[in-house]
Amino acid sequence: MSNQFFHPNLLLLGAPKCGTSSLHSWLCQHPKIVGSTPKETYFYLDDKFSDFNKLGKSHFFEDDFSGFIDFGCTEEADFFLESTTQNIYCESFRIFVEKLEKKPKCIVVIRDPVERILSTFEYFSNTNKSQSEYESFSTYVDDLLSNSVHTGKDVIDRALDWSDYKYYLELWESVVGSENLHVLDFNLLKNSPVEAVERIESWLGVLPFLTDNGIFDQRNKTVVIKNSKMHSLIKPIANILPSSKIKDRMRNFYRRFNSKAPNREAGIYDSDFSKIYERLSVNYSWLARYDIDFEKWWSKNG
């Protein structure tokens, strides 16, 4: 193998809480695509990130990038997919990709920023409660706006900055070129997953497969836990169990009786959304070039 092969040539760069766990699992069903195990390897994150070296493997500790082979690299597929959603924010990784003669294909899923930040809060305050100290979304938003969120988890602490999609997309497009960047709307992924993957198949130049053969189940969905004590006992056990169909069935069974959908009553978070919207100085017109239906995104003008 050459060094060129020791890194993935298909990247699901981000963004966090935009359905990337589901998309990764769907794409990995295609015979021409092999995904890393686990989905997020954190291999390319530098020491500025809280998840740096999370799995004990980092390109900072390797003479070259051959260490990535431990995450399931294979020559039997056209595309090797890696889906650490913080990669889009990592400057050192972007610099590395810029130096590559052959640029990887990059997918970025974006979501209404106010919804993405709310989903982040809900996920780490319910599904993964041990990593957040906030009980109120309003308190979390106020602290975000004053740069006072310090949980030690970047995806929570930097949720506002990481919602500036235009800045990061322009950086990556300048590195890999527009032909190698595919931007996808979370709403399309959620409501029309078959169409979403068909667009990706066409963009990659692989024969359609997932329309008739794909299983489009949702992964890592944000839910509200009913019994937090039970969840705190079960979660450590679930984390050490290897991925399998049996584990998936157990997870689905558990969620049916110990979780419920978050409260998304219309207008309940409008005052908080307005604060986020104004801080981001949102102008969505630039998204039209990526075929993003931003008209359905929240706006202080309704």
Protein backbone atom coordinates (compact mmCIF):
# COMPACT_ATOMS: atom_id res chain seq x y z
CA MET A 1 0.00 0.00 0.00
CA SER A 2 1.09 3.57 -0.65
CA ASN A 3 0.82 6.37 1.87
CA GLN A 4 -1.92 7.84 -0.31
CA PHE A 5 -4.12 4.88 0.63
CA PHE A 6 -3.64 5.19 4.34
CA HIS A 7 -6.30 7.83 4.72
CA PRO A 8 -9.98 7.73 3.68
CA ASN A 9 -10.96 9.06 0.27
CA LEU A 10 -14.54 9.77 1.35
CA LEU A 11 -15.12 12.04 4.34
CA LEU A 12 -18.35 12.79 6.13
CA LEU A 13 -16.93 15.95 7.68
CA GLY A 14 -19.90 17.16 9.73
CA ALA A 15 -21.75 18.72 11.21
CA PRO A 16 -22.51 17.26 14.67
CA LYS A 17 -26.18 16.46 15.39
CA CYS A 18 -27.10 16.54 11.70
CA GLY A 19 -27.99 12.89 11.12
CA THR A 20 -24.47 11.79 10.22
CA SER A 21 -24.63 8.56 12.24
CA SER A 22 -27.60 7.44 10.17
CA LEU A 23 -26.03 8.55 6.89
CA HIS A 24 -22.77 6.75 7.68
CA SER A 25 -24.61 3.48 8.35
CA TRP A 26 -26.67 3.85 5.16
CA LEU A 27 -23.68 4.55 2.92
CA CYS A 28 -21.76 1.62 4.38
CA GLN A 29 -24.40 -0.71 2.95
CA HIS A 30 -23.20 0.12 -0.56
CA PRO A 31 -20.81 -2.56 -1.92
CA LYS A 32 -18.44 0.12 -3.22
CA ILE A 33 -18.16 1.89 0.15
CA VAL A 34 -16.46 0.63 3.31
CA GLY A 35 -16.81 2.67 6.48
CA SER A 36 -14.41 3.03 9.36
CA THR A 37 -15.16 1.19 12.57
CA PRO A 38 -16.19 3.07 14.61
CA LYS A 39 -17.87 5.77 12.56
CA GLU A 40 -15.96 8.51 14.40
CA THR A 41 -12.30 7.57 14.80
CA TYR A 42 -11.11 11.01 16.01
CA PHE A 43 -7.87 10.05 14.27
CA TYR A 44 -7.33 13.40 12.58
CA LEU A 45 -8.23 15.70 15.48
CA ASP A 46 -5.36 17.66 16.97
CA ASP A 47 -4.69 18.43 20.61
CA LYS A 48 -6.89 21.54 20.52
CA PHE A 49 -9.94 19.26 20.66
CA SER A 50 -11.39 17.63 23.75
CA ASP A 51 -11.74 14.34 21.83
CA PHE A 52 -8.09 14.30 20.77
CA ASN A 53 -6.67 10.76 20.98
CA LYS A 54 -10.01 9.56 22.34
CA LEU A 55 -9.51 6.04 21.02
CA GLY A 56 -5.77 5.89 21.63
CA LYS A 57 -4.88 6.40 17.96
CA SER A 58 -3.87 9.74 16.48
CA HIS A 59 -1.95 10.81 13.39
CA PHE A 60 0.12 12.98 15.74
CA PHE A 61 1.59 9.78 17.18
CA GLU A 62 2.34 8.13 13.81
CA ASP A 63 5.35 8.49 11.50
CA ASP A 64 2.82 8.55 8.67
CA PHE A 65 -0.90 7.97 8.38
CA SER A 66 -0.65 4.17 8.21
CA GLY A 67 -2.09 3.91 11.71
CA PHE A 68 -5.51 4.57 10.23
CA ILE A 69 -5.51 1.03 8.82
CA ASP A 70 -6.56 -0.21 12.27
CA PHE A 71 -10.01 1.25 11.68
CA GLY A 72 -10.91 -1.23 8.95
CA CYS A 73 -9.05 0.01 5.86
CA THR A 74 -9.50 -2.25 2.84
CA GLU A 75 -8.54 -2.24 -0.83
CA GLU A 76 -11.70 -4.06 -1.85
CA ALA A 77 -13.89 -0.96 -2.09
CA ASP A 78 -13.76 2.15 -4.25
CA PHE A 79 -14.39 4.42 -1.28
CA PHE A 80 -13.28 4.27 2.33
CA LEU A 81 -15.52 6.43 4.49
CA GLU A 82 -14.61 8.19 7.75
CA SER A 83 -17.20 10.27 9.60
CA THR A 84 -15.74 12.20 12.52
CA THR A 85 -18.05 15.22 12.49
CA GLN A 86 -15.50 17.50 14.15
CA ASN A 87 -13.08 17.14 11.23
CA ILE A 88 -14.72 20.06 9.46
CA TYR A 89 -13.42 22.34 12.24
CA CYS A 90 -9.88 20.92 12.44
CA GLU A 91 -7.32 23.23 10.84
CA SER A 92 -4.43 20.76 10.97
CA PHE A 93 -6.46 18.14 9.12
CA ARG A 94 -7.52 20.68 6.51
CA ILE A 95 -3.86 21.60 5.97
CA PHE A 96 -3.00 17.91 5.54
CA VAL A 97 -5.76 17.43 2.96
CA GLU A 98 -4.62 20.54 1.10
CA LYS A 99 -1.22 18.95 0.54
CA LEU A 100 -2.66 15.76 -0.96
CA GLU A 101 -2.28 15.42 -4.70
CA LYS A 102 -5.60 13.59 -4.97
CA LYS A 103 -8.28 15.21 -2.87
CA PRO A 104 -10.91 13.15 -1.01
CA LYS A 105 -14.61 13.46 -1.65
CA CYS A 106 -16.21 15.41 1.22
CA ILE A 107 -19.82 15.37 2.42
CA VAL A 108 -21.18 17.96 4.83
CA VAL A 109 -24.69 17.78 6.28
CA ILE A 110 -26.00 21.08 7.60
CA ARG A 111 -29.06 21.83 9.67
CA ASP A 112 -30.93 24.93 10.79
CA PRO A 113 -28.43 26.32 13.35
CA VAL A 114 -31.02 26.95 16.05
CA GLU A 115 -32.34 23.40 15.68
CA ARG A 116 -28.83 21.95 15.70
CA ILE A 117 -27.93 23.78 18.90
CA LEU A 118 -31.21 22.71 20.52
CA SER A 119 -30.56 19.09 19.50
CA THR A 120 -27.06 19.31 20.97
CA PHE A 121 -28.48 20.55 24.26
CA GLU A 122 -31.21 17.88 24.32
CA TYR A 123 -28.80 15.08 23.49
CA PHE A 124 -26.25 15.91 26.16
CA SER A 125 -28.87 16.84 28.74
CA ASN A 126 -30.95 13.70 28.23
CA THR A 127 -29.53 10.90 26.08
CA ASN A 128 -25.99 11.57 27.28
CA LYS A 129 -26.72 13.54 30.42
CA SER A 130 -23.44 12.81 32.20
CA GLN A 131 -21.68 15.24 29.85
CA SER A 132 -23.82 18.34 30.46
CA GLU A 133 -24.61 20.36 33.53
CA TYR A 134 -27.54 22.29 32.07
CA GLU A 135 -31.17 21.64 32.92
CA SER A 136 -32.52 24.66 31.01
CA PHE A 137 -32.03 25.44 27.33
CA SER A 138 -32.40 29.15 28.08
CA THR A 139 -29.54 29.01 30.58
CA TYR A 140 -27.40 27.12 28.09
CA VAL A 141 -28.10 29.68 25.35
CA ASP A 142 -27.30 32.61 27.64
CA ASP A 143 -23.99 31.01 28.59
CA LEU A 144 -23.20 30.25 24.94
CA LEU A 145 -23.76 33.87 24.02
CA SER A 146 -21.45 35.04 26.81
CA ASN A 147 -18.78 32.41 26.04
CA SER A 148 -19.37 30.89 29.48
CA VAL A 149 -20.00 27.23 28.59
CA HIS A 150 -17.12 25.17 29.97
CA THR A 151 -18.19 21.54 30.21
CA GLY A 152 -14.92 20.30 28.70
CA LYS A 153 -16.78 18.85 25.70
CA ASP A 154 -16.20 20.86 22.52
CA VAL A 155 -19.42 19.83 20.82
CA ILE A 156 -21.32 21.46 23.72
CA ASP A 157 -18.99 24.35 24.50
CA ARG A 158 -18.47 25.45 20.87
CA ALA A 159 -21.97 24.80 19.52
CA LEU A 160 -22.46 28.44 18.55
CA ASP A 161 -19.17 28.91 16.70
CA TRP A 162 -19.58 25.54 15.00
CA SER A 163 -22.89 26.68 13.52
CA ASP A 164 -21.15 29.21 11.27
CA TYR A 165 -21.42 26.89 8.29
CA LYS A 166 -20.49 29.48 5.65
CA TYR A 167 -17.07 30.05 7.15
CA TYR A 168 -16.12 26.37 7.32
CA LEU A 169 -17.66 25.38 3.99
CA GLU A 170 -15.73 28.12 2.20
CA LEU A 171 -12.49 26.92 3.80
CA TRP A 172 -13.03 23.32 2.71
CA GLU A 173 -14.23 24.24 -0.75
CA SER A 174 -11.03 26.22 -1.26
CA VAL A 175 -9.04 23.11 -0.27
CA VAL A 176 -10.82 20.28 -2.12
CA GLY A 177 -12.65 22.18 -4.86
CA SER A 178 -16.39 22.47 -5.44
CA GLU A 179 -16.43 19.20 -7.42
CA ASN A 180 -15.29 17.31 -4.32
CA LEU A 181 -17.70 18.93 -1.85
CA HIS A 182 -21.29 17.72 -1.49
CA VAL A 183 -23.47 19.72 0.89
CA LEU A 184 -26.66 18.04 2.07
CA ASP A 185 -29.75 19.39 3.82
CA PHE A 186 -30.61 17.64 7.10
CA ASN A 187 -34.31 18.00 6.30
CA LEU A 188 -33.81 16.07 3.06
CA LEU A 189 -31.86 13.41 4.94
CA LYS A 190 -34.62 13.12 7.54
CA ASN A 191 -37.66 13.27 5.29
CA SER A 192 -36.38 11.71 2.05
CA PRO A 193 -33.40 9.49 2.88
CA VAL A 194 -33.65 7.54 -0.38
CA GLU A 195 -33.36 10.74 -2.43
CA ALA A 196 -30.47 11.90 -0.26
CA VAL A 197 -28.40 8.76 -0.84
CA GLU A 198 -29.32 8.68 -4.53
CA ARG A 199 -27.80 12.13 -4.88
CA ILE A 200 -24.63 10.95 -3.17
CA GLU A 201 -24.41 7.81 -5.34
CA SER A 202 -24.74 9.94 -8.47
CA TRP A 203 -22.14 12.41 -7.22
CA LEU A 204 -19.69 9.60 -6.40
CA GLY A 205 -20.28 7.94 -9.76
CA VAL A 206 -21.27 4.57 -8.30
CA LEU A 207 -24.15 2.45 -9.53
CA PRO A 208 -27.43 2.88 -7.62
CA PHE A 209 -27.77 0.23 -4.94
CA LEU A 210 -29.29 1.67 -1.78
CA THR A 211 -32.72 2.56 -3.24
CA ASP A 212 -33.70 -1.10 -3.46
CA ASN A 213 -31.34 -2.62 -0.91
CA GLY A 214 -30.74 -0.03 1.80
CA ILE A 215 -32.11 -0.22 5.34
CA PHE A 216 -32.80 3.35 6.42
CA ASP A 217 -32.96 3.11 10.19
CA GLN A 218 -32.09 6.13 12.36
CA ARG A 219 -28.96 6.16 14.50
CA ASN A 220 -27.94 8.28 17.50
CA LYS A 221 -31.34 9.96 17.61
CA THR A 222 -31.90 12.58 20.30
CA VAL A 223 -34.48 11.42 22.85
CA VAL A 224 -35.56 12.25 26.37
CA ILE A 225 -34.72 9.53 28.89
CA LYS A 226 -37.60 8.64 31.20
CA ASN A 227 -35.61 6.92 33.95
CA SER A 228 -32.16 8.52 34.25
CA LYS A 229 -30.96 6.15 36.98
CA MET A 230 -31.66 3.12 34.83
CA HIS A 231 -29.97 4.83 31.90
CA SER A 232 -26.83 5.58 33.92
CA LEU A 233 -26.56 1.89 34.80
CA ILE A 234 -27.21 0.52 31.31
CA LYS A 235 -25.13 2.99 29.29
CA PRO A 236 -21.65 1.80 30.49
CA ILE A 237 -22.61 -1.77 29.64
CA ALA A 238 -23.87 -0.77 26.18
CA ASN A 239 -20.64 1.13 25.47
CA ILE A 240 -18.47 -1.97 25.87
CA LEU A 241 -20.68 -4.26 23.78
CA PRO A 242 -19.44 -4.68 20.20
CA SER A 243 -21.64 -3.46 17.36
CA SER A 244 -23.99 -6.16 16.10
CA LYS A 245 -27.55 -6.75 14.94
CA ILE A 246 -28.36 -8.14 18.38
CA LYS A 247 -27.09 -4.94 20.02
CA ASP A 248 -29.22 -2.89 17.62
CA ARG A 249 -32.32 -4.87 18.56
CA MET A 250 -31.57 -4.49 22.26
CA ARG A 251 -31.09 -0.73 21.81
CA ASN A 252 -34.40 -0.37 19.95
CA PHE A 253 -36.23 -2.40 22.61
CA TYR A 254 -34.70 -0.32 25.42
CA ARG A 255 -35.58 2.98 23.78
CA ARG A 256 -39.19 1.95 23.31
CA PHE A 257 -39.81 1.76 27.05
CA ASN A 258 -37.26 4.23 28.50
CA SER A 259 -37.30 7.18 26.11
CA LYS A 260 -39.66 9.62 24.46
CA ALA A 261 -39.45 12.37 21.88
CA PRO A 262 -38.27 15.81 23.08
CA ASN A 263 -40.87 18.52 23.63
CA ARG A 264 -40.89 20.52 20.39
CA GLU A 265 -44.10 22.47 20.94
CA ALA A 266 -44.30 25.29 18.39
CA GLY A 267 -42.93 28.57 19.70
CA ILE A 268 -41.66 27.18 22.99
CA TYR A 269 -38.04 28.18 22.25
CA ASP A 270 -38.61 31.22 20.03
CA SER A 271 -37.01 33.73 22.41
CA ASP A 272 -33.87 31.59 22.68
CA PHE A 273 -33.81 30.95 18.93
CA SER A 274 -34.03 34.68 18.32
CA LYS A 275 -30.93 35.30 20.46
CA ILE A 276 -28.95 32.68 18.53
CA TYR A 277 -30.23 33.95 15.19
CA GLU A 278 -29.18 37.52 15.95
CA ARG A 279 -25.73 36.52 17.22
CA LEU A 280 -25.04 34.52 14.07
CA SER A 281 -26.28 37.45 11.94
CA VAL A 282 -27.88 34.81 9.78
CA ASN A 283 -28.20 35.37 6.03
CA TYR A 284 -29.16 32.11 4.38
CA SER A 285 -29.25 33.28 0.75
CA TRP A 286 -25.77 31.86 0.09
CA LEU A 287 -27.15 28.36 0.70
CA ALA A 288 -29.10 28.45 -2.56
CA ARG A 289 -25.99 27.35 -4.50
CA TYR A 290 -26.00 24.10 -2.51
CA ASP A 291 -29.72 23.45 -3.15
CA ILE A 292 -30.55 23.85 0.56
CA ASP A 293 -34.20 24.62 1.28
CA PHE A 294 -33.44 27.25 3.91
CA GLU A 295 -36.97 28.70 3.61
CA LYS A 296 -38.04 25.98 6.05
CA TRP A 297 -35.46 27.04 8.62
CA TRP A 298 -36.45 29.10 11.64
CA SER A 299 -36.49 32.85 11.18
CA LYS A 300 -37.30 35.65 13.61
CA ASN A 301 -39.57 36.98 10.87
CA GLY A 302 -41.55 33.75 10.92
